[in-house]
Amino acid sequence: NKDLKSRLASSEVLQKPSANVSQLESRIQELQDKLQAEEREKSVLVSSNRKLERKVKELTIQIDDERQHVNDQKDQ
């Protein structure tokens, strides 16, 4: 009976680390998934930002051209 209790206690001790390892592996996977999602989101945001910067540049050029046109008309 004492030997059985001892083996049971040993078995529980051995099971706890594997449970902890399993929990940690699960947490690692969860964090990796979250990182991938955030990297995809960052990629989308960077792409959108580039498009918006190009649009701002185009509009700035258009405004400058229109100002020049207005100034040319005033000079006539």
Protein backbone atom coordinates (compact mmCIF):
# COMPACT_ATOMS: atom_id res chain seq x y z
CA ASN A 1 0.00 0.00 0.00
CA LYS A 2 2.82 2.38 0.91
CA ASP A 3 4.64 1.45 -2.29
CA LEU A 4 1.49 2.09 -4.30
CA LYS A 5 1.08 5.56 -2.75
CA SER A 6 4.71 6.30 -3.47
CA ARG A 7 4.35 5.29 -7.11
CA LEU A 8 1.15 7.31 -7.40
CA ALA A 9 2.89 10.38 -5.97
CA SER A 10 5.82 9.88 -8.37
CA SER A 11 3.41 9.50 -11.24
CA GLU A 12 1.65 12.78 -10.35
CA VAL A 13 4.98 14.59 -10.12
CA LEU A 14 5.96 13.28 -13.53
CA GLN A 15 2.62 14.26 -15.06
CA LYS A 16 2.73 17.87 -13.85
CA PRO A 17 5.84 18.86 -15.82
CA SER A 18 4.37 17.39 -18.99
CA ALA A 19 1.19 19.34 -18.33
CA ASN A 20 3.27 22.49 -17.89
CA VAL A 21 5.20 21.74 -21.07
CA SER A 22 1.94 21.19 -22.89
CA GLN A 23 0.55 24.48 -21.58
CA LEU A 24 3.72 26.31 -22.60
CA GLU A 25 3.68 24.76 -26.06
CA SER A 26 0.06 25.80 -26.42
CA ARG A 27 0.92 29.34 -25.33
CA ILE A 28 3.84 29.44 -27.79
CA GLN A 29 1.52 28.41 -30.63
CA GLU A 30 -1.03 31.01 -29.56
CA LEU A 31 1.62 33.74 -29.54
CA GLN A 32 3.01 32.63 -32.90
CA ASP A 33 -0.48 32.79 -34.41
CA LYS A 34 -0.99 36.25 -32.93
CA LEU A 35 2.37 37.39 -34.29
CA GLN A 36 1.50 36.15 -37.78
CA ALA A 37 -1.83 37.96 -37.67
CA GLU A 38 -0.16 41.18 -36.56
CA GLU A 39 2.50 40.83 -39.27
CA ARG A 40 -0.23 40.43 -41.91
CA GLU A 41 -2.04 43.47 -40.51
CA LYS A 42 1.19 45.47 -40.57
CA SER A 43 1.78 44.47 -44.18
CA VAL A 44 -1.70 45.65 -45.16
CA LEU A 45 -1.22 48.93 -43.28
CA VAL A 46 2.20 49.56 -44.86
CA SER A 47 0.72 48.94 -48.30
CA SER A 48 -2.20 51.28 -47.62
CA ASN A 49 0.19 53.90 -46.28
CA ARG A 50 2.30 53.74 -49.46
CA LYS A 51 -0.80 54.17 -51.63
CA LEU A 52 -1.91 57.16 -49.57
CA GLU A 53 1.55 58.73 -49.73
CA ARG A 54 1.53 58.37 -53.54
CA LYS A 55 -1.94 59.94 -53.66
CA VAL A 56 -0.79 62.86 -51.49
CA LYS A 57 2.21 63.37 -53.77
CA GLU A 58 -0.02 63.31 -56.87
CA LEU A 59 -2.47 65.78 -55.35
CA THR A 60 0.35 68.07 -54.23
CA ILE A 61 1.71 68.12 -57.79
CA GLN A 62 -1.79 68.78 -59.13
CA ILE A 63 -2.30 71.68 -56.70
CA ASP A 64 1.08 73.15 -57.61
CA ASP A 65 0.21 72.91 -61.32
CA GLU A 66 -3.15 74.58 -60.74
CA ARG A 67 -1.53 77.37 -58.72
CA GLN A 68 0.97 77.93 -61.50
CA HIS A 69 -1.86 78.02 -64.03
CA VAL A 70 -3.78 80.58 -61.94
CA ASN A 71 -0.65 82.71 -61.55
CA ASP A 72 -0.01 82.54 -65.29
CA GLN A 73 -3.57 83.71 -65.97
CA LYS A 74 -3.18 86.61 -63.52
CA ASP A 75 -0.01 87.70 -65.29
CA GLN A 76 -1.77 87.92 -68.66
